[in-house]
Amino acid sequence: MKSRSKKILFSLPEELLVEIDEAAAEEHRSRSELIREATRRYIADRSERRPIDDPRVREAVESMDRLARKVRGGQDAAKAVREMRDSRHE
């Protein structure tokens, strides 16, 4: 049984479209096939990643841990947040 397809319209930078067309030509496939495969791979990779594997999430968790230690140490929470914010801009 063949799945139904829907046509969509979206914009790409011209340079990216040139790269897509070159890759599709090298692999003897259509632009649509290449984009479908790239999308499938992106979704599969994304579903396999855990949020903590993202360096931005890890950094946020570490920042929150540092903040929690300061607050538990008797420091004012607002002051601790200001200090962390200011330390990033130094």
Protein backbone atom coordinates (compact mmCIF):
# COMPACT_ATOMS: atom_id res chain seq x y z
CA MET A 1 0.00 0.00 0.00
CA LYS A 2 1.49 3.33 -1.06
CA SER A 3 1.32 6.21 1.41
CA ARG A 4 -0.28 9.42 0.29
CA SER A 5 1.91 12.44 -0.28
CA LYS A 6 1.09 16.10 0.11
CA LYS A 7 2.77 18.91 -1.72
CA ILE A 8 4.17 21.71 0.39
CA LEU A 9 5.76 25.03 -0.41
CA PHE A 10 8.71 26.42 1.51
CA SER A 11 11.64 28.72 0.91
CA LEU A 12 15.33 27.87 0.88
CA PRO A 13 18.39 30.01 0.33
CA GLU A 14 19.46 29.67 -3.29
CA GLU A 15 22.88 28.32 -2.28
CA LEU A 16 21.28 25.50 -0.30
CA LEU A 17 19.03 24.59 -3.19
CA VAL A 18 22.09 24.37 -5.46
CA GLU A 19 23.73 21.99 -2.98
CA ILE A 20 20.57 19.89 -2.77
CA ASP A 21 20.34 19.65 -6.55
CA GLU A 22 24.02 18.71 -6.85
CA ALA A 23 23.67 15.98 -4.21
CA ALA A 24 20.50 14.65 -5.84
CA ALA A 25 22.19 14.53 -9.24
CA GLU A 26 25.23 12.70 -7.81
CA GLU A 27 22.94 10.12 -6.23
CA HIS A 28 20.67 9.83 -9.29
CA ARG A 29 17.56 10.75 -7.35
CA SER A 30 15.06 13.55 -7.38
CA ARG A 31 15.21 16.65 -5.24
CA SER A 32 12.05 15.43 -3.45
CA GLU A 33 13.58 12.04 -2.66
CA LEU A 34 16.69 13.68 -1.23
CA ILE A 35 14.69 16.08 0.94
CA ARG A 36 12.39 13.25 2.15
CA GLU A 37 15.43 11.17 3.16
CA ALA A 38 17.09 14.11 4.89
CA THR A 39 13.88 14.81 6.80
CA ARG A 40 13.50 11.16 7.85
CA ARG A 41 17.09 11.09 9.11
CA TYR A 42 16.68 14.37 11.00
CA ILE A 43 13.54 13.11 12.75
CA ALA A 44 15.17 9.76 13.60
CA ASP A 45 18.29 11.46 14.98
CA ARG A 46 16.22 13.94 16.93
CA SER A 47 14.07 11.23 18.54
CA GLU A 48 17.19 9.29 19.62
CA ARG A 49 18.75 12.27 21.40
CA ARG A 50 17.96 12.85 25.03
CA PRO A 51 17.57 16.49 26.07
CA ILE A 52 20.48 16.22 28.52
CA ASP A 53 22.73 15.31 25.58
CA ASP A 54 22.26 18.84 24.26
CA PRO A 55 25.14 21.00 25.52
CA ARG A 56 22.77 23.96 25.98
CA VAL A 57 20.51 21.91 28.25
CA ARG A 58 23.49 20.60 30.21
CA GLU A 59 24.76 24.17 30.69
CA ALA A 60 21.32 25.33 31.85
CA VAL A 61 21.08 22.48 34.36
CA GLU A 62 24.55 23.27 35.70
CA SER A 63 23.61 26.94 36.06
CA MET A 64 20.47 26.01 37.97
CA ASP A 65 22.50 23.72 40.23
CA ARG A 66 24.95 26.56 40.99
CA LEU A 67 22.04 28.89 41.72
CA ALA A 68 20.40 26.34 44.03
CA ARG A 69 23.65 25.94 46.00
CA LYS A 70 23.91 29.72 46.45
CA VAL A 71 20.30 30.04 47.57
CA ARG A 72 20.60 27.11 50.00
CA GLY A 73 23.69 28.77 51.38
CA GLY A 74 21.52 31.61 52.64
CA GLN A 75 22.03 33.97 49.74
CA ASP A 76 19.12 35.98 48.41
CA ALA A 77 17.73 34.29 45.23
CA ALA A 78 17.40 37.57 43.29
CA LYS A 79 20.97 38.49 44.17
CA ALA A 80 22.20 35.06 43.06
CA VAL A 81 20.38 35.40 39.72
CA ARG A 82 21.88 38.88 39.17
CA GLU A 83 25.38 37.61 39.92
CA MET A 84 25.03 34.70 37.48
CA ARG A 85 23.65 36.99 34.78
CA ASP A 86 26.40 39.55 35.31
CA SER A 87 29.13 36.89 35.27
CA ARG A 88 28.06 35.84 31.75
CA HIS A 89 28.54 39.40 30.48
CA GLU A 90 32.02 39.89 31.88
